[in-house]
PDB file of all heavy atoms in Angstrom:
ATOM      1  N   LEU A   1     102.435  63.455  21.651  1.00  0.00           N
ATOM      2  CA  LEU A   1     101.610  62.267  21.466  1.00  0.00           C
ATOM      3  C   LEU A   1     102.073  61.428  20.286  1.00  0.00           C
ATOM      4  O   LEU A   1     102.414  61.961  19.232  1.00  0.00           O
ATOM      5  CB  LEU A   1     100.150  62.678  21.244  1.00  0.00           C
ATOM      6  CG  LEU A   1      99.127  61.571  21.034  1.00  0.00           C
ATOM      7  CD1 LEU A   1      99.022  60.654  22.253  1.00  0.00           C
ATOM      8  CD2 LEU A   1      97.766  62.175  20.706  1.00  0.00           C
ATOM      9  N   ILE A   2     102.049  60.112  20.477  1.00  0.00           N
ATOM     10  CA  ILE A   2     102.288  59.157  19.404  1.00  0.00           C
ATOM     11  C   ILE A   2     100.957  58.477  19.105  1.00  0.00           C
ATOM     12  O   ILE A   2     100.342  57.884  19.992  1.00  0.00           O
ATOM     13  CB  ILE A   2     103.333  58.100  19.803  1.00  0.00           C
ATOM     14  CG1 ILE A   2     104.670  58.766  20.098  1.00  0.00           C
ATOM     15  CG2 ILE A   2     103.462  57.026  18.723  1.00  0.00           C
ATOM     16  CD1 ILE A   2     105.684  57.851  20.760  1.00  0.00           C
ATOM     17  N   LEU A   3     100.506  58.569  17.852  1.00  0.00           N
ATOM     18  CA  LEU A   3      99.309  57.855  17.394  1.00  0.00           C
ATOM     19  C   LEU A   3      99.793  56.668  16.578  1.00  0.00           C
ATOM     20  O   LEU A   3     100.485  56.833  15.576  1.00  0.00           O
ATOM     21  CB  LEU A   3      98.427  58.750  16.528  1.00  0.00           C
ATOM     22  CG  LEU A   3      97.755  59.927  17.207  1.00  0.00           C
ATOM     23  CD1 LEU A   3      97.006  60.774  16.173  1.00  0.00           C
ATOM     24  CD2 LEU A   3      96.797  59.444  18.280  1.00  0.00           C
ATOM     25  N   ASP A   4      99.436  55.477  16.995  1.00  0.00           N
ATOM     26  CA  ASP A   4      99.901  54.257  16.347  1.00  0.00           C
ATOM     27  C   ASP A   4      98.771  53.655  15.531  1.00  0.00           C
ATOM     28  O   ASP A   4      97.786  53.164  16.083  1.00  0.00           O
ATOM     29  CB  ASP A   4     100.387  53.272  17.418  1.00  0.00           C
ATOM     30  CG  ASP A   4     101.077  52.056  16.850  1.00  0.00           C
ATOM     31  OD1 ASP A   4     101.005  51.827  15.620  1.00  0.00           O
ATOM     32  OD2 ASP A   4     101.687  51.313  17.650  1.00  0.00           O
ATOM     33  N   VAL A   5      98.908  53.708  14.203  1.00  0.00           N
ATOM     34  CA  VAL A   5      97.915  53.095  13.323  1.00  0.00           C
ATOM     35  C   VAL A   5      98.568  51.992  12.485  1.00  0.00           C
ATOM     36  O   VAL A   5      98.097  51.676  11.386  1.00  0.00           O
ATOM     37  CB  VAL A   5      97.197  54.135  12.428  1.00  0.00           C
ATOM     38  CG1 VAL A   5      96.323  55.038  13.273  1.00  0.00           C
ATOM     39  CG2 VAL A   5      98.177  54.945  11.599  1.00  0.00           C
ATOM     40  N   ARG A   6      99.613  51.384  13.026  1.00  0.00           N
ATOM     41  CA  ARG A   6     100.219  50.252  12.329  1.00  0.00           C
ATOM     42  C   ARG A   6      99.209  49.106  12.315  1.00  0.00           C
ATOM     43  O   ARG A   6      98.520  48.859  13.301  1.00  0.00           O
ATOM     44  CB  ARG A   6     101.511  49.816  13.018  1.00  0.00           C
ATOM     45  CG  ARG A   6     102.628  50.852  12.875  1.00  0.00           C
ATOM     46  CD  ARG A   6     103.843  50.461  13.645  1.00  0.00           C
ATOM     47  NE  ARG A   6     103.540  50.490  15.085  1.00  0.00           N
ATOM     48  CZ  ARG A   6     104.428  50.182  16.026  1.00  0.00           C
ATOM     49  NH1 ARG A   6     105.655  49.826  15.699  1.00  0.00           N
ATOM     50  NH2 ARG A   6     104.081  50.230  17.300  1.00  0.00           N
ATOM     51  N   ALA A   7      99.123  48.438  11.174  1.00  0.00           N
ATOM     52  CA  ALA A   7      98.196  47.319  10.973  1.00  0.00           C
ATOM     53  C   ALA A   7      96.735  47.738  11.144  1.00  0.00           C
ATOM     54  O   ALA A   7      95.880  46.915  11.424  1.00  0.00           O
ATOM     55  CB  ALA A   7      98.538  46.146  11.884  1.00  0.00           C
ATOM     56  N   ASN A   8      96.442  49.003  10.988  1.00  0.00           N
ATOM     57  CA  ASN A   8      95.080  49.520  11.088  1.00  0.00           C
ATOM     58  C   ASN A   8      94.510  49.573   9.671  1.00  0.00           C
ATOM     59  O   ASN A   8      94.970  50.363   8.859  1.00  0.00           O
ATOM     60  CB  ASN A   8      95.108  50.912  11.735  1.00  0.00           C
ATOM     61  CG  ASN A   8      93.739  51.512  11.927  1.00  0.00           C
ATOM     62  OD1 ASN A   8      92.868  51.381  11.082  1.00  0.00           O
ATOM     63  ND2 ASN A   8      93.564  52.219  13.021  1.00  0.00           N
ATOM     64  N   PRO A   9      93.509  48.740   9.357  1.00  0.00           N
ATOM     65  CA  PRO A   9      93.001  48.674   7.990  1.00  0.00           C
ATOM     66  C   PRO A   9      92.068  49.814   7.602  1.00  0.00           C
ATOM     67  O   PRO A   9      91.628  49.893   6.467  1.00  0.00           O
ATOM     68  CB  PRO A   9      92.253  47.339   7.967  1.00  0.00           C
ATOM     69  CG  PRO A   9      91.764  47.182   9.368  1.00  0.00           C
ATOM     70  CD  PRO A   9      92.853  47.767  10.239  1.00  0.00           C
ATOM     71  N   GLY A  10      91.762  50.700   8.536  1.00  0.00           N
ATOM     72  CA  GLY A  10      90.901  51.833   8.212  1.00  0.00           C
ATOM     73  C   GLY A  10      89.488  51.646   8.710  1.00  0.00           C
ATOM     74  O   GLY A  10      89.243  50.966   9.690  1.00  0.00           O
ATOM     75  N   GLY A  11      88.551  52.277   8.002  1.00  0.00           N
ATOM     76  CA  GLY A  11      87.161  52.209   8.420  1.00  0.00           C
ATOM     77  C   GLY A  11      86.393  53.419   7.936  1.00  0.00           C
ATOM     78  O   GLY A  11      86.582  53.888   6.822  1.00  0.00           O
ATOM     79  N   ARG A  12      85.577  53.955   8.805  1.00  0.00           N
ATOM     80  CA  ARG A  12      84.637  55.014   8.440  1.00  0.00           C
ATOM     81  C   ARG A  12      85.317  56.376   8.279  1.00  0.00           C
ATOM     82  O   ARG A  12      86.075  56.815   9.136  1.00  0.00           O
ATOM     83  CB  ARG A  12      83.541  55.098   9.494  1.00  0.00           C
ATOM     84  CG  ARG A  12      82.674  53.854   9.492  1.00  0.00           C
ATOM     85  CD  ARG A  12      81.649  53.821  10.567  1.00  0.00           C
ATOM     86  NE  ARG A  12      81.034  55.103  10.863  1.00  0.00           N
ATOM     87  CZ  ARG A  12      80.225  55.325  11.882  1.00  0.00           C
ATOM     88  NH1 ARG A  12      79.914  54.321  12.686  1.00  0.00           N
ATOM     89  NH2 ARG A  12      79.717  56.500  12.094  1.00  0.00           N
ATOM     90  N   VAL A  13      84.997  57.028   7.178  1.00  0.00           N
ATOM     91  CA  VAL A  13      85.565  58.342   6.882  1.00  0.00           C
ATOM     92  C   VAL A  13      85.089  59.383   7.887  1.00  0.00           C
ATOM     93  O   VAL A  13      85.863  60.249   8.302  1.00  0.00           O
ATOM     94  CB  VAL A  13      85.237  58.764   5.432  1.00  0.00           C
ATOM     95  CG1 VAL A  13      85.686  60.185   5.158  1.00  0.00           C
ATOM     96  CG2 VAL A  13      85.892  57.806   4.444  1.00  0.00           C
ATOM     97  N   ASP A  14      83.835  59.308   8.324  1.00  0.00           N
ATOM     98  CA  ASP A  14      83.342  60.304   9.281  1.00  0.00           C
ATOM     99  C   ASP A  14      84.127  60.238  10.591  1.00  0.00           C
ATOM    100  O   ASP A  14      84.410  61.268  11.215  1.00  0.00           O
ATOM    101  CB  ASP A  14      81.844  60.153   9.527  1.00  0.00           C
ATOM    102  CG  ASP A  14      81.444  58.797  10.117  1.00  0.00           C
ATOM    103  OD1 ASP A  14      82.030  57.762   9.733  1.00  0.00           O
ATOM    104  OD2 ASP A  14      80.518  58.770  10.951  1.00  0.00           O
ATOM    105  N   ILE A  15      84.527  59.034  11.003  1.00  0.00           N
ATOM    106  CA  ILE A  15      85.277  58.902  12.259  1.00  0.00           C
ATOM    107  C   ILE A  15      86.694  59.429  12.093  1.00  0.00           C
ATOM    108  O   ILE A  15      87.189  60.164  12.944  1.00  0.00           O
ATOM    109  CB  ILE A  15      85.263  57.439  12.750  1.00  0.00           C
ATOM    110  CG1 ILE A  15      83.830  57.057  13.157  1.00  0.00           C
ATOM    111  CG2 ILE A  15      86.223  57.240  13.911  1.00  0.00           C
ATOM    112  CD1 ILE A  15      83.642  55.606  13.538  1.00  0.00           C
ATOM    113  N   VAL A  16      87.361  59.087  10.984  1.00  0.00           N
ATOM    114  CA  VAL A  16      88.716  59.606  10.785  1.00  0.00           C
ATOM    115  C   VAL A  16      88.696  61.126  10.629  1.00  0.00           C
ATOM    116  O   VAL A  16      89.583  61.818  11.115  1.00  0.00           O
ATOM    117  CB  VAL A  16      89.450  58.923   9.607  1.00  0.00           C
ATOM    118  CG1 VAL A  16      88.920  59.342   8.260  1.00  0.00           C
ATOM    119  CG2 VAL A  16      90.945  59.220   9.682  1.00  0.00           C
ATOM    120  N   ASN A  17      87.662  61.672   9.982  1.00  0.00           N
ATOM    121  CA  ASN A  17      87.554  63.129   9.865  1.00  0.00           C
ATOM    122  C   ASN A  17      87.416  63.780  11.237  1.00  0.00           C
ATOM    123  O   ASN A  17      88.043  64.802  11.520  1.00  0.00           O
ATOM    124  CB  ASN A  17      86.368  63.518   8.991  1.00  0.00           C
ATOM    125  CG  ASN A  17      86.624  63.293   7.521  1.00  0.00           C
ATOM    126  OD1 ASN A  17      87.761  63.117   7.086  1.00  0.00           O
ATOM    127  ND2 ASN A  17      85.561  63.277   6.735  1.00  0.00           N
ATOM    128  N   SER A  18      86.601  63.193  12.094  1.00  0.00           N
ATOM    129  CA  SER A  18      86.404  63.728  13.439  1.00  0.00           C
ATOM    130  C   SER A  18      87.707  63.727  14.228  1.00  0.00           C
ATOM    131  O   SER A  18      88.073  64.717  14.864  1.00  0.00           O
ATOM    132  CB  SER A  18      85.334  62.916  14.172  1.00  0.00           C
ATOM    133  OG  SER A  18      85.216  63.317  15.511  1.00  0.00           O
ATOM    134  N   ILE A  19      88.421  62.598  14.185  1.00  0.00           N
ATOM    135  CA  ILE A  19      89.677  62.486  14.929  1.00  0.00           C
ATOM    136  C   ILE A  19      90.715  63.454  14.372  1.00  0.00           C
ATOM    137  O   ILE A  19      91.336  64.223  15.107  1.00  0.00           O
ATOM    138  CB  ILE A  19      90.206  61.038  14.881  1.00  0.00           C
ATOM    139  CG1 ILE A  19      89.259  60.105  15.656  1.00  0.00           C
ATOM    140  CG2 ILE A  19      91.632  60.954  15.436  1.00  0.00           C
ATOM    141  CD1 ILE A  19      89.501  58.626  15.419  1.00  0.00           C
ATOM    142  N   THR A  20      90.896  63.428  13.070  1.00  0.00           N
ATOM    143  CA  THR A  20      91.917  64.268  12.434  1.00  0.00           C
ATOM    144  C   THR A  20      91.658  65.750  12.671  1.00  0.00           C
ATOM    145  O   THR A  20      92.589  66.517  12.944  1.00  0.00           O
ATOM    146  CB  THR A  20      91.977  63.971  10.918  1.00  0.00           C
ATOM    147  OG1 THR A  20      92.197  62.576  10.726  1.00  0.00           O
ATOM    148  CG2 THR A  20      93.089  64.749  10.253  1.00  0.00           C
ATOM    149  N   SER A  21      90.404  66.169  12.593  1.00  0.00           N
ATOM    150  CA  SER A  21      90.085  67.594  12.736  1.00  0.00           C
ATOM    151  C   SER A  21      90.506  68.157  14.091  1.00  0.00           C
ATOM    152  O   SER A  21      90.808  69.334  14.207  1.00  0.00           O
ATOM    153  CB  SER A  21      88.594  67.837  12.505  1.00  0.00           C
ATOM    154  OG  SER A  21      87.829  67.281  13.554  1.00  0.00           O
ATOM    155  N   GLU A  22      90.566  67.310  15.106  1.00  0.00           N
ATOM    156  CA  GLU A  22      90.950  67.796  16.434  1.00  0.00           C
ATOM    157  C   GLU A  22      92.451  68.033  16.569  1.00  0.00           C
ATOM    158  O   GLU A  22      92.916  68.571  17.570  1.00  0.00           O
ATOM    159  CB  GLU A  22      90.462  66.837  17.517  1.00  0.00           C
ATOM    160  CG  GLU A  22      88.954  66.757  17.624  1.00  0.00           C
ATOM    161  CD  GLU A  22      88.266  68.107  17.869  1.00  0.00           C
ATOM    162  OE1 GLU A  22      88.896  69.036  18.423  1.00  0.00           O
ATOM    163  OE2 GLU A  22      87.088  68.230  17.493  1.00  0.00           O
ATOM    164  N   PHE A  23      93.234  67.656  15.549  1.00  0.00           N
ATOM    165  CA  PHE A  23      94.677  67.906  15.555  1.00  0.00           C
ATOM    166  C   PHE A  23      95.077  69.002  14.577  1.00  0.00           C
ATOM    167  O   PHE A  23      96.253  69.301  14.429  1.00  0.00           O
ATOM    168  CB  PHE A  23      95.440  66.615  15.217  1.00  0.00           C
ATOM    169  CG  PHE A  23      95.343  65.579  16.297  1.00  0.00           C
ATOM    170  CD1 PHE A  23      94.393  64.583  16.241  1.00  0.00           C
ATOM    171  CD2 PHE A  23      96.190  65.630  17.395  1.00  0.00           C
ATOM    172  CE1 PHE A  23      94.282  63.631  17.244  1.00  0.00           C
ATOM    173  CE2 PHE A  23      96.088  64.688  18.405  1.00  0.00           C
ATOM    174  CZ  PHE A  23      95.140  63.690  18.328  1.00  0.00           C
ATOM    175  N   LEU A  24      94.079  69.587  13.891  1.00  0.00           N
ATOM    176  CA  LEU A  24      94.353  70.604  12.884  1.00  0.00           C
ATOM    177  C   LEU A  24      93.750  71.944  13.273  1.00  0.00           C
ATOM    178  O   LEU A  24      92.944  72.031  14.185  1.00  0.00           O
ATOM    179  CB  LEU A  24      93.794  70.149  11.528  1.00  0.00           C
ATOM    180  CG  LEU A  24      94.365  68.853  10.963  1.00  0.00           C
ATOM    181  CD1 LEU A  24      93.674  68.485   9.651  1.00  0.00           C
ATOM    182  CD2 LEU A  24      95.868  68.958  10.762  1.00  0.00           C
ATOM    183  N   LYS A  25      94.149  72.964  12.542  1.00  0.00           N
ATOM    184  CA  LYS A  25      93.613  74.307  12.755  1.00  0.00           C
ATOM    185  C   LYS A  25      92.461  74.562  11.792  1.00  0.00           C
ATOM    186  O   LYS A  25      92.253  73.833  10.830  1.00  0.00           O
ATOM    187  CB  LYS A  25      94.728  75.331  12.571  1.00  0.00           C
ATOM    188  CG  LYS A  25      95.870  75.140  13.559  1.00  0.00           C
ATOM    189  CD  LYS A  25      96.618  76.424  13.770  1.00  0.00           C
ATOM    190  CE  LYS A  25      97.775  76.250  14.711  1.00  0.00           C
ATOM    191  NZ  LYS A  25      97.442  76.033  16.083  1.00  0.00           N
ATOM    192  N   ASP A  26      91.726  75.618  12.052  1.00  0.00           N
ATOM    193  CA  ASP A  26      90.553  75.988  11.267  1.00  0.00           C
ATOM    194  C   ASP A  26      90.890  76.118   9.787  1.00  0.00           C
ATOM    195  O   ASP A  26      91.889  76.726   9.416  1.00  0.00           O
ATOM    196  CB  ASP A  26      89.997  77.315  11.801  1.00  0.00           C
ATOM    197  CG  ASP A  26      88.706  77.723  11.121  1.00  0.00           C
ATOM    198  OD1 ASP A  26      87.921  76.837  10.747  1.00  0.00           O
ATOM    199  OD2 ASP A  26      88.484  78.938  10.966  1.00  0.00           O
ATOM    200  N   GLY A  27      90.036  75.539   8.950  1.00  0.00           N
ATOM    201  CA  GLY A  27      90.151  75.695   7.510  1.00  0.00           C
ATOM    202  C   GLY A  27      91.132  74.748   6.825  1.00  0.00           C
ATOM    203  O   GLY A  27      91.343  74.856   5.613  1.00  0.00           O
ATOM    204  N   GLN A  28      91.722  73.831   7.541  1.00  0.00           N
ATOM    205  CA  GLN A  28      92.674  72.914   6.918  1.00  0.00           C
ATOM    206  C   GLN A  28      91.947  71.701   6.335  1.00  0.00           C
ATOM    207  O   GLN A  28      91.040  71.139   6.956  1.00  0.00           O
ATOM    208  CB  GLN A  28      93.742  72.473   7.919  1.00  0.00           C
ATOM    209  CG  GLN A  28      94.655  73.634   8.319  1.00  0.00           C
ATOM    210  CD  GLN A  28      95.729  73.223   9.297  1.00  0.00           C
ATOM    211  OE1 GLN A  28      95.462  72.569  10.292  1.00  0.00           O
ATOM    212  NE2 GLN A  28      96.961  73.654   9.021  1.00  0.00           N
TER     213      GLN A  28
END
């Protein structure tokens, strides 16, 4: 998978945490 966040100014931390956690292992 390619995730493209070019020109993405960001936003809510809870949403990025939710997305990121699904690509990581437990405890990271």
